């Protein structure tokens, strides 16, 4: 039976230089995409750099919780991934 996994925004930058928020630039995949752990999901931008958020596990993207231009913080849920048992 499939399980769901919340994909969250990881910490951005080194501990001393970590940023507190970013803006979603664009999704690199769409709903229904079959993904492998490490595949690129979306891009976020801070005032200093752009970051690509990787997929944390193998699965299928079943829900996007944020849209381009949304502000996000580390720990925020970005998407829901359906994974195998």
N, C-alpha and C. Protein backbone atom coordinates (compact mmCIF):
# COMPACT_ATOMS: atom_id res chain seq x y z
N UNK A 1 0.85 -1.19 0.00
CA UNK A 1 0.00 0.00 0.00
C UNK A 1 0.89 1.25 0.00
N UNK A 2 0.61 2.21 -0.87
CA UNK A 2 1.42 3.43 -0.94
C UNK A 2 1.30 4.26 0.35
N UNK A 3 2.37 4.96 0.66
CA UNK A 3 2.39 5.89 1.79
C UNK A 3 2.67 7.28 1.24
N UNK A 4 2.37 8.29 2.03
CA UNK A 4 2.69 9.65 1.61
C UNK A 4 3.82 10.20 2.48
N UNK A 5 4.58 11.08 1.87
CA UNK A 5 5.71 11.71 2.52
C UNK A 5 5.63 13.21 2.27
N UNK A 6 5.74 14.00 3.32
CA UNK A 6 5.78 15.45 3.16
C UNK A 6 7.19 15.86 2.76
N UNK A 7 7.30 16.62 1.69
CA UNK A 7 8.58 17.16 1.24
C UNK A 7 8.69 18.55 1.84
N UNK A 8 9.72 18.77 2.66
CA UNK A 8 9.89 20.05 3.33
C UNK A 8 11.11 20.78 2.80
N UNK A 9 11.12 22.09 3.00
CA UNK A 9 12.26 22.89 2.59
C UNK A 9 13.39 22.68 3.59
N UNK A 10 14.55 22.22 3.10
CA UNK A 10 15.69 22.04 4.01
C UNK A 10 16.30 23.39 4.39
N UNK A 11 17.21 23.36 5.34
CA UNK A 11 17.97 24.56 5.71
C UNK A 11 18.74 25.02 4.48
N UNK A 12 18.78 26.31 4.27
CA UNK A 12 19.46 26.88 3.11
C UNK A 12 20.73 27.58 3.55
N UNK A 13 21.86 27.07 3.13
CA UNK A 13 23.14 27.66 3.48
C UNK A 13 23.77 26.96 4.68
N UNK A 14 24.97 27.40 5.02
CA UNK A 14 25.68 26.86 6.18
C UNK A 14 25.03 27.38 7.45
N UNK A 15 25.27 26.68 8.56
CA UNK A 15 24.65 27.06 9.83
C UNK A 15 24.83 28.54 10.16
N UNK A 16 26.04 29.05 9.99
CA UNK A 16 26.29 30.45 10.30
C UNK A 16 25.69 31.41 9.29
N UNK A 17 25.49 30.93 8.06
CA UNK A 17 24.97 31.79 6.99
C UNK A 17 23.59 31.36 6.52
N UNK A 18 22.92 30.48 7.26
CA UNK A 18 21.61 29.98 6.84
C UNK A 18 20.62 31.14 6.73
N UNK A 19 19.80 31.08 5.69
CA UNK A 19 18.79 32.12 5.49
C UNK A 19 17.47 31.67 6.09
N UNK A 20 16.65 32.66 6.45
CA UNK A 20 15.40 32.33 7.13
C UNK A 20 14.23 32.14 6.19
N UNK A 21 14.34 32.62 4.94
CA UNK A 21 13.25 32.43 4.00
C UNK A 21 13.77 32.52 2.57
N UNK A 22 12.91 32.04 1.66
CA UNK A 22 13.23 32.07 0.23
C UNK A 22 11.91 32.20 -0.52
N UNK A 23 12.02 32.40 -1.82
CA UNK A 23 10.83 32.48 -2.67
C UNK A 23 10.90 31.36 -3.71
N UNK A 24 9.76 30.72 -3.94
CA UNK A 24 9.69 29.66 -4.95
C UNK A 24 9.87 30.32 -6.31
N UNK A 25 10.83 29.81 -7.07
CA UNK A 25 11.08 30.34 -8.40
C UNK A 25 10.25 29.56 -9.43
N UNK A 26 10.44 28.23 -9.45
CA UNK A 26 9.68 27.41 -10.39
C UNK A 26 9.74 25.95 -10.00
N UNK A 27 8.70 25.24 -10.38
CA UNK A 27 8.68 23.78 -10.26
C UNK A 27 9.38 23.20 -11.48
N UNK A 28 10.18 22.17 -11.26
CA UNK A 28 10.93 21.53 -12.34
C UNK A 28 10.26 20.25 -12.81
N UNK A 29 9.22 19.81 -12.11
CA UNK A 29 8.44 18.63 -12.47
C UNK A 29 6.96 18.94 -12.23
N UNK A 30 6.09 18.09 -12.75
CA UNK A 30 4.66 18.30 -12.58
C UNK A 30 4.01 17.19 -11.77
N UNK A 31 2.76 17.41 -11.41
CA UNK A 31 1.98 16.41 -10.71
C UNK A 31 1.98 15.11 -11.52
N UNK A 32 2.16 14.00 -10.83
CA UNK A 32 2.18 12.70 -11.51
C UNK A 32 3.57 12.26 -11.94
N UNK A 33 4.57 13.12 -11.79
CA UNK A 33 5.94 12.77 -12.18
C UNK A 33 6.47 11.66 -11.28
N UNK A 34 7.09 10.65 -11.90
CA UNK A 34 7.76 9.59 -11.15
C UNK A 34 9.19 10.04 -10.90
N UNK A 35 9.58 10.05 -9.63
CA UNK A 35 10.86 10.62 -9.23
C UNK A 35 11.71 9.61 -8.47
N UNK A 36 13.01 9.83 -8.53
CA UNK A 36 13.98 9.06 -7.76
C UNK A 36 14.55 9.99 -6.70
N UNK A 37 14.98 9.43 -5.60
CA UNK A 37 15.63 10.23 -4.56
C UNK A 37 16.77 11.02 -5.18
N UNK A 38 16.81 12.30 -4.90
CA UNK A 38 17.86 13.17 -5.43
C UNK A 38 17.49 13.93 -6.69
N UNK A 39 16.40 13.52 -7.36
CA UNK A 39 15.94 14.27 -8.54
C UNK A 39 15.56 15.69 -8.13
N UNK A 40 15.74 16.65 -9.03
CA UNK A 40 15.38 18.04 -8.76
C UNK A 40 13.87 18.22 -8.79
N UNK A 41 13.33 18.86 -7.74
CA UNK A 41 11.88 19.11 -7.65
C UNK A 41 11.52 20.54 -8.03
N UNK A 42 12.13 21.50 -7.35
CA UNK A 42 11.81 22.89 -7.58
C UNK A 42 13.01 23.76 -7.24
N UNK A 43 12.95 24.98 -7.69
CA UNK A 43 14.01 25.95 -7.43
C UNK A 43 13.45 27.04 -6.54
N UNK A 44 14.26 27.43 -5.54
CA UNK A 44 13.91 28.56 -4.68
C UNK A 44 15.05 29.56 -4.72
N UNK A 45 14.73 30.82 -4.50
CA UNK A 45 15.72 31.89 -4.53
C UNK A 45 15.71 32.67 -3.23
N UNK A 46 16.91 33.04 -2.80
CA UNK A 46 17.06 33.98 -1.70
C UNK A 46 17.62 35.25 -2.29
N UNK A 47 17.91 36.22 -1.45
CA UNK A 47 18.51 37.45 -1.98
C UNK A 47 19.96 37.23 -2.40
N UNK A 48 20.56 36.06 -2.03
CA UNK A 48 21.95 35.80 -2.35
C UNK A 48 22.17 34.69 -3.38
N UNK A 49 21.26 33.73 -3.46
CA UNK A 49 21.52 32.56 -4.32
C UNK A 49 20.24 31.83 -4.68
N UNK A 50 20.37 30.96 -5.67
CA UNK A 50 19.28 30.06 -6.06
C UNK A 50 19.65 28.66 -5.56
N UNK A 51 18.65 27.93 -5.09
CA UNK A 51 18.84 26.57 -4.60
C UNK A 51 17.85 25.66 -5.29
N UNK A 52 18.29 24.45 -5.62
CA UNK A 52 17.39 23.43 -6.15
C UNK A 52 17.07 22.48 -5.00
N UNK A 53 15.78 22.22 -4.79
CA UNK A 53 15.36 21.31 -3.73
C UNK A 53 15.24 19.91 -4.32
N UNK A 54 15.98 18.93 -3.75
CA UNK A 54 15.93 17.57 -4.28
C UNK A 54 14.78 16.77 -3.69
N UNK A 55 14.38 15.76 -4.42
CA UNK A 55 13.36 14.83 -3.96
C UNK A 55 14.00 13.96 -2.86
N UNK A 56 13.33 13.79 -1.71
CA UNK A 56 13.94 13.04 -0.61
C UNK A 56 13.84 11.52 -0.73
N UNK A 57 12.99 11.02 -1.64
CA UNK A 57 12.78 9.57 -1.74
C UNK A 57 12.21 9.23 -3.12
N UNK A 58 12.23 7.97 -3.48
CA UNK A 58 11.58 7.53 -4.71
C UNK A 58 10.08 7.65 -4.54
N UNK A 59 9.38 8.08 -5.58
CA UNK A 59 7.93 8.17 -5.48
C UNK A 59 7.31 8.96 -6.61
N UNK A 60 6.04 9.28 -6.44
CA UNK A 60 5.27 10.04 -7.43
C UNK A 60 4.78 11.32 -6.77
N UNK A 61 5.00 12.45 -7.44
CA UNK A 61 4.54 13.74 -6.93
C UNK A 61 3.03 13.80 -7.04
N UNK A 62 2.34 13.87 -5.91
CA UNK A 62 0.88 13.88 -5.97
C UNK A 62 0.25 15.21 -5.55
N UNK A 63 1.03 16.10 -4.94
CA UNK A 63 0.46 17.40 -4.56
C UNK A 63 1.57 18.43 -4.41
N UNK A 64 1.32 19.62 -4.95
CA UNK A 64 2.22 20.76 -4.77
C UNK A 64 1.55 21.69 -3.77
N UNK A 65 2.23 22.01 -2.70
CA UNK A 65 1.65 22.86 -1.66
C UNK A 65 2.03 24.33 -1.80
N UNK A 66 2.99 24.63 -2.67
CA UNK A 66 3.42 26.02 -2.88
C UNK A 66 3.43 26.33 -4.37
N UNK A 67 3.35 27.62 -4.68
CA UNK A 67 3.36 28.07 -6.08
C UNK A 67 4.52 29.03 -6.29
N UNK A 68 4.89 29.26 -7.55
CA UNK A 68 5.92 30.25 -7.82
C UNK A 68 5.56 31.59 -7.17
N UNK A 69 6.59 32.22 -6.61
CA UNK A 69 6.52 33.50 -5.91
C UNK A 69 6.07 33.37 -4.46
N UNK A 70 5.67 32.17 -4.00
CA UNK A 70 5.33 31.99 -2.58
C UNK A 70 6.60 32.10 -1.75
N UNK A 71 6.49 32.71 -0.59
CA UNK A 71 7.61 32.75 0.35
C UNK A 71 7.57 31.49 1.19
N UNK A 72 8.72 30.85 1.37
CA UNK A 72 8.82 29.61 2.15
C UNK A 72 9.97 29.72 3.13
N UNK A 73 9.85 28.94 4.21
CA UNK A 73 10.88 28.91 5.25
C UNK A 73 11.33 27.47 5.46
N UNK A 74 12.55 27.27 5.93
CA UNK A 74 13.00 25.90 6.21
C UNK A 74 11.98 25.17 7.11
N UNK A 75 11.65 23.95 6.72
CA UNK A 75 10.67 23.16 7.45
C UNK A 75 9.26 23.23 6.86
N UNK A 76 8.98 24.24 6.02
CA UNK A 76 7.66 24.34 5.39
C UNK A 76 7.43 23.16 4.46
N UNK A 77 6.20 22.67 4.41
CA UNK A 77 5.85 21.58 3.49
C UNK A 77 5.67 22.16 2.09
N UNK A 78 6.44 21.61 1.15
CA UNK A 78 6.41 22.07 -0.24
C UNK A 78 5.53 21.20 -1.11
N UNK A 79 5.50 19.90 -0.82
CA UNK A 79 4.81 18.95 -1.69
C UNK A 79 4.51 17.67 -0.92
N UNK A 80 3.67 16.86 -1.53
CA UNK A 80 3.37 15.53 -0.99
C UNK A 80 3.80 14.51 -2.06
N UNK A 81 4.55 13.54 -1.61
CA UNK A 81 5.09 12.49 -2.46
C UNK A 81 4.45 11.17 -2.05
N UNK A 82 3.97 10.39 -3.02
CA UNK A 82 3.44 9.06 -2.75
C UNK A 82 4.59 8.07 -2.95
N UNK A 83 4.89 7.32 -1.90
CA UNK A 83 6.00 6.37 -1.95
C UNK A 83 5.50 4.95 -1.77
N UNK A 84 6.31 3.99 -2.22
CA UNK A 84 5.98 2.58 -2.01
C UNK A 84 6.33 2.20 -0.58
N UNK A 85 5.72 1.13 -0.12
CA UNK A 85 6.05 0.62 1.23
C UNK A 85 7.48 0.22 1.36
